[in-house]
PDB file of N, CA and C in Angstrom:
ATOM      1  N   MET A   1      55.537  36.727-133.929  1.00  0.00           N
ATOM      2  CA  MET A   1      55.963  36.640-132.629  1.00  0.00           C
ATOM      3  C   MET A   1      55.309  35.415-132.010  1.00  0.00           C
ATOM      4  N   THR A   2      56.051  34.662-131.233  1.00  0.00           N
ATOM      5  CA  THR A   2      55.468  33.615-130.507  1.00  0.00           C
ATOM      6  C   THR A   2      54.942  33.989-129.059  1.00  0.00           C
ATOM      7  N   TRP A   3      54.067  33.217-128.645  1.00  0.00           N
ATOM      8  CA  TRP A   3      53.425  33.651-127.346  1.00  0.00           C
ATOM      9  C   TRP A   3      54.373  33.261-126.303  1.00  0.00           C
ATOM     10  N   GLN A   4      54.419  34.065-125.247  1.00  0.00           N
ATOM     11  CA  GLN A   4      55.354  33.666-124.030  1.00  0.00           C
ATOM     12  C   GLN A   4      54.570  33.903-122.775  1.00  0.00           C
ATOM     13  N   PRO A   5      54.743  33.127-121.790  1.00  0.00           N
ATOM     14  CA  PRO A   5      54.054  33.323-120.526  1.00  0.00           C
ATOM     15  C   PRO A   5      54.389  34.771-119.977  1.00  0.00           C
ATOM     16  N   SER A   6      53.498  35.323-119.239  1.00  0.00           N
ATOM     17  CA  SER A   6      53.661  36.712-118.783  1.00  0.00           C
ATOM     18  C   SER A   6      54.884  36.828-117.786  1.00  0.00           C
ATOM     19  N   GLY A   7      55.157  35.847-116.982  1.00  0.00           N
ATOM     20  CA  GLY A   7      56.285  35.756-116.097  1.00  0.00           C
ATOM     21  C   GLY A   7      57.495  35.954-116.790  1.00  0.00           C
ATOM     22  N   TYR A   8      57.624  35.151-117.927  1.00  0.00           N
ATOM     23  CA  TYR A   8      58.805  35.149-118.742  1.00  0.00           C
ATOM     24  C   TYR A   8      58.956  36.568-119.285  1.00  0.00           C
ATOM     25  N   ARG A   9      57.994  37.148-119.825  1.00  0.00           N
ATOM     26  CA  ARG A   9      58.069  38.556-120.333  1.00  0.00           C
ATOM     27  C   ARG A   9      58.521  39.501-119.442  1.00  0.00           C
ATOM     28  N   ILE A  10      57.983  39.363-118.190  1.00  0.00           N
ATOM     29  CA  ILE A  10      58.265  40.324-117.155  1.00  0.00           C
ATOM     30  C   ILE A  10      59.901  40.166-116.787  1.00  0.00           C
ATOM     31  N   TRP A  11      60.283  38.898-116.734  1.00  0.00           N
ATOM     32  CA  TRP A  11      61.677  38.637-116.416  1.00  0.00           C
ATOM     33  C   TRP A  11      62.640  39.107-117.514  1.00  0.00           C
ATOM     34  N   LYS A  12      62.213  38.902-118.795  1.00  0.00           N
ATOM     35  CA  LYS A  12      62.985  39.418-119.924  1.00  0.00           C
ATOM     36  C   LYS A  12      63.067  40.999-119.883  1.00  0.00           C
ATOM     37  N   ALA A  13      61.954  41.640-119.553  1.00  0.00           N
ATOM     38  CA  ALA A  13      61.862  43.046-119.487  1.00  0.00           C
ATOM     39  C   ALA A  13      62.772  43.490-118.398  1.00  0.00           C
ATOM     40  N   TRP A  14      62.782  42.920-117.300  1.00  0.00           N
ATOM     41  CA  TRP A  14      63.611  43.221-116.087  1.00  0.00           C
ATOM     42  C   TRP A  14      65.148  43.081-116.392  1.00  0.00           C
ATOM     43  N   THR A  15      65.469  41.987-117.092  1.00  0.00           N
ATOM     44  CA  THR A  15      66.835  41.801-117.296  1.00  0.00           C
ATOM     45  C   THR A  15      67.422  42.822-118.248  1.00  0.00           C
ATOM     46  N   VAL A  16      66.550  43.264-119.324  1.00  0.00           N
ATOM     47  CA  VAL A  16      67.014  44.278-120.149  1.00  0.00           C
ATOM     48  C   VAL A  16      67.253  45.681-119.346  1.00  0.00           C
ATOM     49  N   TYR A  17      66.102  45.993-118.424  1.00  0.00           N
ATOM     50  CA  TYR A  17      66.084  47.197-117.720  1.00  0.00           C
ATOM     51  C   TYR A  17      67.392  47.242-116.811  1.00  0.00           C
ATOM     52  N   HIS A  18      67.443  46.054-116.051  1.00  0.00           N
ATOM     53  CA  HIS A  18      68.566  45.990-115.111  1.00  0.00           C
ATOM     54  C   HIS A  18      69.949  46.179-115.777  1.00  0.00           C
ATOM     55  N   LYS A  19      70.239  45.604-116.982  1.00  0.00           N
ATOM     56  CA  LYS A  19      71.518  45.680-117.586  1.00  0.00           C
ATOM     57  C   LYS A  19      71.620  47.173-118.104  1.00  0.00           C
ATOM     58  N   ALA A  20      70.591  47.845-118.608  1.00  0.00           N
ATOM     59  CA  ALA A  20      70.662  49.310-118.898  1.00  0.00           C
ATOM     60  C   ALA A  20      70.810  50.230-117.813  1.00  0.00           C
ATOM     61  N   ASN A  21      70.438  49.872-116.686  1.00  0.00           N
ATOM     62  CA  ASN A  21      70.255  50.784-115.535  1.00  0.00           C
ATOM     63  C   ASN A  21      70.783  50.291-114.227  1.00  0.00           C
ATOM     64  N   PRO A  22      72.115  49.825-114.229  1.00  0.00           N
ATOM     65  CA  PRO A  22      72.700  49.115-113.075  1.00  0.00           C
ATOM     66  C   PRO A  22      72.633  50.008-111.851  1.00  0.00           C
ATOM     67  N   GLU A  23      72.612  51.322-111.990  1.00  0.00           N
ATOM     68  CA  GLU A  23      72.527  52.236-110.932  1.00  0.00           C
ATOM     69  C   GLU A  23      71.328  52.165-109.971  1.00  0.00           C
ATOM     70  N   VAL A  24      70.255  51.570-110.667  1.00  0.00           N
ATOM     71  CA  VAL A  24      68.938  51.364-109.810  1.00  0.00           C
ATOM     72  C   VAL A  24      69.296  50.360-108.667  1.00  0.00           C
ATOM     73  N   TYR A  25      69.889  49.342-109.058  1.00  0.00           N
ATOM     74  CA  TYR A  25      70.183  48.270-108.089  1.00  0.00           C
ATOM     75  C   TYR A  25      71.319  48.925-107.116  1.00  0.00           C
ATOM     76  N   GLU A  26      72.211  49.609-107.619  1.00  0.00           N
ATOM     77  CA  GLU A  26      73.262  50.158-106.542  1.00  0.00           C
ATOM     78  C   GLU A  26      72.514  51.112-105.607  1.00  0.00           C
ATOM     79  N   TRP A  27      71.495  51.971-106.013  1.00  0.00           N
ATOM     80  CA  TRP A  27      70.667  52.706-105.107  1.00  0.00           C
ATOM     81  C   TRP A  27      69.916  51.810-104.145  1.00  0.00           C
ATOM     82  N   PHE A  28      69.299  50.718-104.736  1.00  0.00           N
ATOM     83  CA  PHE A  28      68.521  49.783-103.920  1.00  0.00           C
ATOM     84  C   PHE A  28      69.411  49.186-102.788  1.00  0.00           C
ATOM     85  N   ILE A  29      70.619  48.799-103.136  1.00  0.00           N
ATOM     86  CA  ILE A  29      71.466  48.309-102.104  1.00  0.00           C
ATOM     87  C   ILE A  29      71.809  49.354-101.046  1.00  0.00           C
ATOM     88  N   ARG A  30      72.209  50.602-101.566  1.00  0.00           N
ATOM     89  CA  ARG A  30      72.436  51.572-100.675  1.00  0.00           C
ATOM     90  C   ARG A  30      71.546  51.967 -99.535  1.00  0.00           C
ATOM     91  N   LEU A  31      70.236  52.026-100.145  1.00  0.00           N
ATOM     92  CA  LEU A  31      69.185  52.350 -99.295  1.00  0.00           C
ATOM     93  C   LEU A  31      68.797  51.194 -98.254  1.00  0.00           C
ATOM     94  N   ILE A  32      68.958  49.911 -98.675  1.00  0.00           N
ATOM     95  CA  ILE A  32      68.869  48.873 -97.771  1.00  0.00           C
ATOM     96  C   ILE A  32      69.750  48.887 -96.764  1.00  0.00           C
ATOM     97  N   PHE A  33      71.115  49.128 -97.056  1.00  0.00           N
ATOM     98  CA  PHE A  33      72.097  49.209 -95.894  1.00  0.00           C
ATOM     99  C   PHE A  33      72.003  50.482 -95.056  1.00  0.00           C
ATOM    100  N   HIS A  34      71.373  51.493 -95.579  1.00  0.00           N
ATOM    101  CA  HIS A  34      71.049  52.572 -94.774  1.00  0.00           C
ATOM    102  C   HIS A  34      70.225  52.239 -93.655  1.00  0.00           C
ATOM    103  N   LYS A  35      69.043  51.404 -94.054  1.00  0.00           N
ATOM    104  CA  LYS A  35      68.130  50.924 -93.049  1.00  0.00           C
ATOM    105  C   LYS A  35      68.839  49.876 -92.094  1.00  0.00           C
ATOM    106  N   VAL A  36      69.655  49.014 -92.626  1.00  0.00           N
ATOM    107  CA  VAL A  36      70.309  47.988 -91.814  1.00  0.00           C
ATOM    108  C   VAL A  36      71.150  48.648 -90.809  1.00  0.00           C
ATOM    109  N   ASN A  37      71.921  49.743 -91.163  1.00  0.00           N
ATOM    110  CA  ASN A  37      72.869  50.437 -90.279  1.00  0.00           C
ATOM    111  C   ASN A  37      71.998  51.256 -89.197  1.00  0.00           C
ATOM    112  N   ARG A  38      70.853  51.541 -89.504  1.00  0.00           N
ATOM    113  CA  ARG A  38      69.968  52.255 -88.436  1.00  0.00           C
ATOM    114  C   ARG A  38      69.256  51.299 -87.526  1.00  0.00           C
ATOM    115  N   GLY A  39      69.569  50.022 -87.670  1.00  0.00           N
ATOM    116  CA  GLY A  39      68.928  49.065 -86.885  1.00  0.00           C
ATOM    117  C   GLY A  39      67.763  48.236 -87.385  1.00  0.00           C
ATOM    118  N   PHE A  40      67.310  48.401 -88.640  1.00  0.00           N
ATOM    119  CA  PHE A  40      66.208  47.682 -89.072  1.00  0.00           C
ATOM    120  C   PHE A  40      66.623  46.228 -89.188  1.00  0.00           C
ATOM    121  N   LYS A  41      65.766  45.324 -88.814  1.00  0.00           N
ATOM    122  CA  LYS A  41      65.952  43.867 -89.062  1.00  0.00           C
ATOM    123  C   LYS A  41      65.102  43.492 -90.339  1.00  0.00           C
ATOM    124  N   GLN A  42      64.188  44.083 -90.623  1.00  0.00           N
ATOM    125  CA  GLN A  42      63.134  43.862 -91.676  1.00  0.00           C
ATOM    126  C   GLN A  42      62.692  45.142 -92.276  1.00  0.00           C
ATOM    127  N   HIS A  43      62.345  45.020 -93.753  1.00  0.00           N
ATOM    128  CA  HIS A  43      61.845  46.169 -94.219  1.00  0.00           C
ATOM    129  C   HIS A  43      61.144  45.769 -95.449  1.00  0.00           C
ATOM    130  N   SER A  44      60.311  46.750 -96.049  1.00  0.00           N
ATOM    131  CA  SER A  44      59.591  46.623 -97.270  1.00  0.00           C
ATOM    132  C   SER A  44      60.361  46.776 -98.563  1.00  0.00           C
ATOM    133  N   ALA A  45      60.675  45.873 -99.401  1.00  0.00           N
ATOM    134  CA  ALA A  45      61.369  46.011-100.684  1.00  0.00           C
ATOM    135  C   ALA A  45      60.562  46.990-101.559  1.00  0.00           C
ATOM    136  N   ASP A  46      59.214  47.118-101.365  1.00  0.00           N
ATOM    137  CA  ASP A  46      58.408  48.070-102.136  1.00  0.00           C
ATOM    138  C   ASP A  46      58.725  49.594-101.552  1.00  0.00           C
ATOM    139  N   ALA A  47      58.819  49.776-100.403  1.00  0.00           N
ATOM    140  CA  ALA A  47      59.127  50.996 -99.710  1.00  0.00           C
ATOM    141  C   ALA A  47      60.650  51.413-100.168  1.00  0.00           C
ATOM    142  N   ILE A  48      61.404  50.468-100.178  1.00  0.00           N
ATOM    143  CA  ILE A  48      62.896  50.752-100.542  1.00  0.00           C
ATOM    144  C   ILE A  48      62.798  51.291-102.022  1.00  0.00           C
ATOM    145  N   MET A  49      62.180  50.669-102.856  1.00  0.00           N
ATOM    146  CA  MET A  49      62.111  51.027-104.281  1.00  0.00           C
ATOM    147  C   MET A  49      61.461  52.359-104.424  1.00  0.00           C
ATOM    148  N   HIS A  50      60.442  52.651-103.659  1.00  0.00           N
ATOM    149  CA  HIS A  50      59.906  53.976-103.686  1.00  0.00           C
ATOM    150  C   HIS A  50      60.870  55.064-103.300  1.00  0.00           C
ATOM    151  N   ALA A  51      61.579  54.701-102.356  1.00  0.00           N
ATOM    152  CA  ALA A  51      62.783  55.669-101.890  1.00  0.00           C
ATOM    153  C   ALA A  51      63.841  55.777-102.960  1.00  0.00           C
ATOM    154  N   VAL A  52      64.043  54.737-103.724  1.00  0.00           N
ATOM    155  CA  VAL A  52      65.111  54.763-104.855  1.00  0.00           C
ATOM    156  C   VAL A  52      64.573  55.743-105.880  1.00  0.00           C
ATOM    157  N   ARG A  53      63.375  55.564-106.180  1.00  0.00           N
ATOM    158  CA  ARG A  53      62.760  56.569-107.216  1.00  0.00           C
ATOM    159  C   ARG A  53      62.797  58.026-106.793  1.00  0.00           C
ATOM    160  N   PHE A  54      62.481  58.191-105.486  1.00  0.00           N
ATOM    161  CA  PHE A  54      62.630  59.591-104.965  1.00  0.00           C
ATOM    162  C   PHE A  54      64.103  60.161-104.933  1.00  0.00           C
ATOM    163  N   GLU A  55      65.025  59.207-104.515  1.00  0.00           N
ATOM    164  CA  GLU A  55      66.442  59.634-104.442  1.00  0.00           C
ATOM    165  C   GLU A  55      67.016  59.985-105.911  1.00  0.00           C
ATOM    166  N   ILE A  56      66.682  59.065-106.786  1.00  0.00           N
ATOM    167  CA  ILE A  56      67.163  59.266-108.150  1.00  0.00           C
ATOM    168  C   ILE A  56      66.638  60.626-108.739  1.00  0.00           C
ATOM    169  N   GLU A  57      65.304  60.800-108.549  1.00  0.00           N
ATOM    170  CA  GLU A  57      64.761  62.097-109.075  1.00  0.00           C
ATOM    171  C   GLU A  57      65.261  63.347-108.331  1.00  0.00           C
ATOM    172  N   ASP A  58      65.593  63.175-107.081  1.00  0.00           N
ATOM    173  CA  ASP A  58      66.003  64.267-106.260  1.00  0.00           C
ATOM    174  C   ASP A  58      67.459  64.634-106.661  1.00  0.00           C
ATOM    175  N   VAL A  59      68.327  63.672-106.959  1.00  0.00           N
ATOM    176  CA  VAL A  59      69.672  63.904-107.445  1.00  0.00           C
ATOM    177  C   VAL A  59      69.722  64.515-108.832  1.00  0.00           C
ATOM    178  N   ASN A  60      68.881  63.988-109.769  1.00  0.00           N
ATOM    179  CA  ASN A  60      68.804  64.532-111.013  1.00  0.00           C
ATOM    180  C   ASN A  60      67.521  64.480-111.634  1.00  0.00           C
ATOM    181  N   PRO A  61      66.816  65.552-111.587  1.00  0.00           N
ATOM    182  CA  PRO A  61      65.359  65.673-111.896  1.00  0.00           C
ATOM    183  C   PRO A  61      65.108  65.508-113.458  1.00  0.00           C
ATOM    184  N   GLU A  62      66.179  65.698-114.280  1.00  0.00           N
ATOM    185  CA  GLU A  62      66.077  65.495-115.623  1.00  0.00           C
ATOM    186  C   GLU A  62      65.985  63.980-115.953  1.00  0.00           C
ATOM    187  N   SER A  63      66.382  63.137-115.066  1.00  0.00           N
ATOM    188  CA  SER A  63      66.497  61.686-115.324  1.00  0.00           C
ATOM    189  C   SER A  63      65.306  60.912-114.959  1.00  0.00           C
ATOM    190  N   SER A  64      64.278  61.621-114.571  1.00  0.00           N
ATOM    191  CA  SER A  64      63.052  60.938-113.885  1.00  0.00           C
ATOM    192  C   SER A  64      62.265  59.939-115.131  1.00  0.00           C
ATOM    193  N   ASP A  65      62.405  60.412-116.240  1.00  0.00           N
ATOM    194  CA  ASP A  65      61.770  59.468-117.387  1.00  0.00           C
ATOM    195  C   ASP A  65      62.595  58.307-117.489  1.00  0.00           C
ATOM    196  N   LYS A  66      63.924  58.437-117.563  1.00  0.00           N
ATOM    197  CA  LYS A  66      64.865  57.296-117.746  1.00  0.00           C
ATOM    198  C   LYS A  66      64.774  56.237-116.704  1.00  0.00           C
ATOM    199  N   TYR A  67      64.390  56.709-115.517  1.00  0.00           N
ATOM    200  CA  TYR A  67      64.368  55.616-114.428  1.00  0.00           C
ATOM    201  C   TYR A  67      62.932  55.246-114.006  1.00  0.00           C
ATOM    202  N   LYS A  68      61.999  55.269-114.848  1.00  0.00           N
ATOM    203  CA  LYS A  68      60.678  54.655-114.576  1.00  0.00           C
ATOM    204  C   LYS A  68      60.872  53.140-114.193  1.00  0.00           C
ATOM    205  N   ILE A  69      60.584  52.939-112.992  1.00  0.00           N
ATOM    206  CA  ILE A  69      60.786  51.466-112.503  1.00  0.00           C
ATOM    207  C   ILE A  69      59.341  50.846-112.353  1.00  0.00           C
ATOM    208  N   CYS A  70      59.285  49.844-113.114  1.00  0.00           N
ATOM    209  CA  CYS A  70      58.009  49.039-113.080  1.00  0.00           C
ATOM    210  C   CYS A  70      57.890  48.422-111.604  1.00  0.00           C
ATOM    211  N   ASN A  71      56.750  48.447-111.150  1.00  0.00           N
ATOM    212  CA  ASN A  71      56.519  47.799-109.733  1.00  0.00           C
ATOM    213  C   ASN A  71      56.664  46.184-109.888  1.00  0.00           C
ATOM    214  N   ASP A  72      56.585  45.624-111.242  1.00  0.00           N
ATOM    215  CA  ASP A  72      56.725  44.268-111.365  1.00  0.00           C
ATOM    216  C   ASP A  72      58.231  43.846-111.028  1.00  0.00           C
ATOM    217  N   TYR A  73      59.077  44.829-111.195  1.00  0.00           N
ATOM    218  CA  TYR A  73      60.495  44.508-111.086  1.00  0.00           C
ATOM    219  C   TYR A  73      61.028  44.409-109.522  1.00  0.00           C
ATOM    220  N   VAL A  74      60.283  44.880-108.693  1.00  0.00           N
ATOM    221  CA  VAL A  74      60.709  45.004-107.226  1.00  0.00           C
ATOM    222  C   VAL A  74      60.992  43.610-106.735  1.00  0.00           C
ATOM    223  N   ALA A  75      60.124  42.559-107.094  1.00  0.00           N
ATOM    224  CA  ALA A  75      60.407  41.153-106.500  1.00  0.00           C
ATOM    225  C   ALA A  75      61.711  40.658-107.080  1.00  0.00           C
ATOM    226  N   PHE A  76      62.122  41.149-108.339  1.00  0.00           N
ATOM    227  CA  PHE A  76      63.386  40.580-108.946  1.00  0.00           C
ATOM    228  C   PHE A  76      64.526  41.291-108.173  1.00  0.00           C
ATOM    229  N   TYR A  77      64.474  42.537-107.847  1.00  0.00           N
ATOM    230  CA  TYR A  77      65.492  43.161-107.103  1.00  0.00           C
ATOM    231  C   TYR A  77      65.601  42.727-105.701  1.00  0.00           C
ATOM    232  N   ALA A  78      64.609  42.438-105.123  1.00  0.00           N
ATOM    233  CA  ALA A  78      64.561  41.860-103.651  1.00  0.00           C
ATOM    234  C   ALA A  78      65.235  40.376-103.706  1.00  0.00           C
ATOM    235  N   ARG A  79      64.877  39.789-104.671  1.00  0.00           N
ATOM    236  CA  ARG A  79      65.604  38.410-104.643  1.00  0.00           C
ATOM    237  C   ARG A  79      67.111  38.440-105.105  1.00  0.00           C
ATOM    238  N   LEU A  80      67.335  39.299-105.961  1.00  0.00           N
ATOM    239  CA  LEU A  80      68.745  39.431-106.351  1.00  0.00           C
ATOM    240  C   LEU A  80      69.558  39.905-105.160  1.00  0.00           C
ATOM    241  N   PHE A  81      69.026  40.821-104.403  1.00  0.00           N
ATOM    242  CA  PHE A  81      69.710  41.254-103.189  1.00  0.00           C
ATOM    243  C   PHE A  81      69.990  40.114-102.281  1.00  0.00           C
ATOM    244  N   ALA A  82      68.922  39.145-102.057  1.00  0.00           N
ATOM    245  CA  ALA A  82      69.177  37.971-101.180  1.00  0.00           C
ATOM    246  C   ALA A  82      70.140  36.958-101.740  1.00  0.00           C
ATOM    247  N   VAL A  83      70.245  36.916-102.891  1.00  0.00           N
ATOM    248  CA  VAL A  83      71.333  36.055-103.601  1.00  0.00           C
ATOM    249  C   VAL A  83      72.702  36.680-103.320  1.00  0.00           C
ATOM    250  N   ASP A  84      72.760  38.143-103.716  1.00  0.00           N
ATOM    251  CA  ASP A  84      74.014  38.731-103.622  1.00  0.00           C
ATOM    252  C   ASP A  84      74.566  38.865-102.054  1.00  0.00           C
ATOM    253  N   TYR A  85      73.655  38.997-101.207  1.00  0.00           N
ATOM    254  CA  TYR A  85      73.911  39.139 -99.760  1.00  0.00           C
ATOM    255  C   TYR A  85      73.116  38.145 -98.912  1.00  0.00           C
ATOM    256  N   PRO A  86      73.450  37.014 -98.971  1.00  0.00           N
ATOM    257  CA  PRO A  86      72.618  35.932 -98.246  1.00  0.00           C
ATOM    258  C   PRO A  86      72.519  36.015 -96.876  1.00  0.00           C
ATOM    259  N   GLU A  87      73.477  36.745 -96.262  1.00  0.00           N
ATOM    260  CA  GLU A  87      73.406  37.068 -94.764  1.00  0.00           C
ATOM    261  C   GLU A  87      72.176  38.042 -94.407  1.00  0.00           C
ATOM    262  N   TYR A  88      71.766  38.563 -95.467  1.00  0.00           N
ATOM    263  CA  TYR A  88      70.502  39.508 -95.172  1.00  0.00           C
ATOM    264  C   TYR A  88      69.264  39.003 -95.877  1.00  0.00           C
ATOM    265  N   ALA A  89      69.281  37.649 -96.324  1.00  0.00           N
ATOM    266  CA  ALA A  89      68.095  37.076 -97.097  1.00  0.00           C
ATOM    267  C   ALA A  89      66.798  37.291 -96.275  1.00  0.00           C
ATOM    268  N   GLY A  90      66.724  37.376 -95.004  1.00  0.00           N
ATOM    269  CA  GLY A  90      65.682  37.613 -94.307  1.00  0.00           C
ATOM    270  C   GLY A  90      65.201  39.029 -93.870  1.00  0.00           C
ATOM    271  N   PHE A  91      65.786  39.987 -94.702  1.00  0.00           N
ATOM    272  CA  PHE A  91      65.434  41.412 -94.486  1.00  0.00           C
ATOM    273  C   PHE A  91      64.160  41.657 -95.098  1.00  0.00           C
ATOM    274  N   PHE A  92      63.789  40.907 -96.189  1.00  0.00           N
ATOM    275  CA  PHE A  92      62.468  41.099 -96.858  1.00  0.00           C
ATOM    276  C   PHE A  92      61.638  39.887 -96.680  1.00  0.00           C
ATOM    277  N   ARG A  93      60.362  40.089 -96.499  1.00  0.00           N
ATOM    278  CA  ARG A  93      59.355  38.840 -96.428  1.00  0.00           C
ATOM    279  C   ARG A  93      59.054  38.748 -97.961  1.00  0.00           C
ATOM    280  N   TYR A  94      59.065  37.488 -98.294  1.00  0.00           N
ATOM    281  CA  TYR A  94      58.822  37.037 -99.715  1.00  0.00           C
ATOM    282  C   TYR A  94      57.542  36.316 -99.954  1.00  0.00           C
ATOM    283  N   ARG A  95      56.895  36.960-100.817  1.00  0.00           N
ATOM    284  CA  ARG A  95      55.500  36.131-101.243  1.00  0.00           C
ATOM    285  C   ARG A  95      55.851  35.458-102.616  1.00  0.00           C
ATOM    286  N   GLN A  96      55.171  34.528-102.939  1.00  0.00           N
ATOM    287  CA  GLN A  96      55.210  33.765-104.182  1.00  0.00           C
ATOM    288  C   GLN A  96      55.319  34.735-105.373  1.00  0.00           C
ATOM    289  N   SER A  97      56.120  34.513-106.222  1.00  0.00           N
ATOM    290  CA  SER A  97      56.427  35.548-107.363  1.00  0.00           C
ATOM    291  C   SER A  97      56.944  34.817-108.606  1.00  0.00           C
ATOM    292  N   VAL A  98      56.586  35.401-109.692  1.00  0.00           N
ATOM    293  CA  VAL A  98      57.228  34.856-110.852  1.00  0.00           C
ATOM    294  C   VAL A  98      58.755  34.968-110.917  1.00  0.00           C
ATOM    295  N   ALA A  99      59.315  35.978-109.992  1.00  0.00           N
ATOM    296  CA  ALA A  99      60.631  36.050-109.818  1.00  0.00           C
ATOM    297  C   ALA A  99      61.281  34.777-109.242  1.00  0.00           C
ATOM    298  N   ASP A 100      60.542  34.005-108.676  1.00  0.00           N
ATOM    299  CA  ASP A 100      61.133  32.740-108.059  1.00  0.00           C
ATOM    300  C   ASP A 100      61.591  31.770-109.074  1.00  0.00           C
ATOM    301  N   GLN A 101      60.858  31.762-110.227  1.00  0.00           N
ATOM    302  CA  GLN A 101      61.221  30.910-111.353  1.00  0.00           C
ATOM    303  C   GLN A 101      62.565  31.217-111.877  1.00  0.00           C
ATOM    304  N   TYR A 102      63.018  32.526-111.945  1.00  0.00           N
ATOM    305  CA  TYR A 102      64.279  32.940-112.704  1.00  0.00           C
ATOM    306  C   TYR A 102      65.281  33.340-111.804  1.00  0.00           C
ATOM    307  N   ILE A 103      65.092  33.721-110.573  1.00  0.00           N
ATOM    308  CA  ILE A 103      66.202  34.043-109.534  1.00  0.00           C
ATOM    309  C   ILE A 103      66.242  33.015-108.444  1.00  0.00           C
ATOM    310  N   GLY A 104      65.021  32.400-108.214  1.00  0.00           N
ATOM    311  CA  GLY A 104      65.092  31.296-107.094  1.00  0.00           C
ATOM    312  C   GLY A 104      64.205  31.545-105.963  1.00  0.00           C
ATOM    313  N   PRO A 105      63.531  30.671-105.491  1.00  0.00           N
ATOM    314  CA  PRO A 105      62.530  30.796-104.295  1.00  0.00           C
ATOM    315  C   PRO A 105      63.421  31.123-102.981  1.00  0.00           C
ATOM    316  N   LEU A 106      62.909  31.777-102.241  1.00  0.00           N
ATOM    317  CA  LEU A 106      63.638  32.177-100.844  1.00  0.00           C
ATOM    318  C   LEU A 106      62.658  31.700 -99.773  1.00  0.00           C
TER     319      LEU A 106
END
């Protein structure tokens, strides 16, 4: 096995996870728009992802092992949201991240 930078490994792991579990991103989007519709102009991507974890487990307790979401993935989901919904790109505050190399800086 060849050595790969840790950012690349995280990105590859996220892409595999994201393709295998598209419903996580669907929940992420749903909960963001729940906040938007309640008047929030900004929120925490980390808080949204914690709510996603809670909602998925609440709906289907048997699936909690399947949907273990690595904290390293949150930056990728936040940036993907900004790309998919550029009119809401300012909903999250972005810190420098390895996700910037793969999805783009915001």
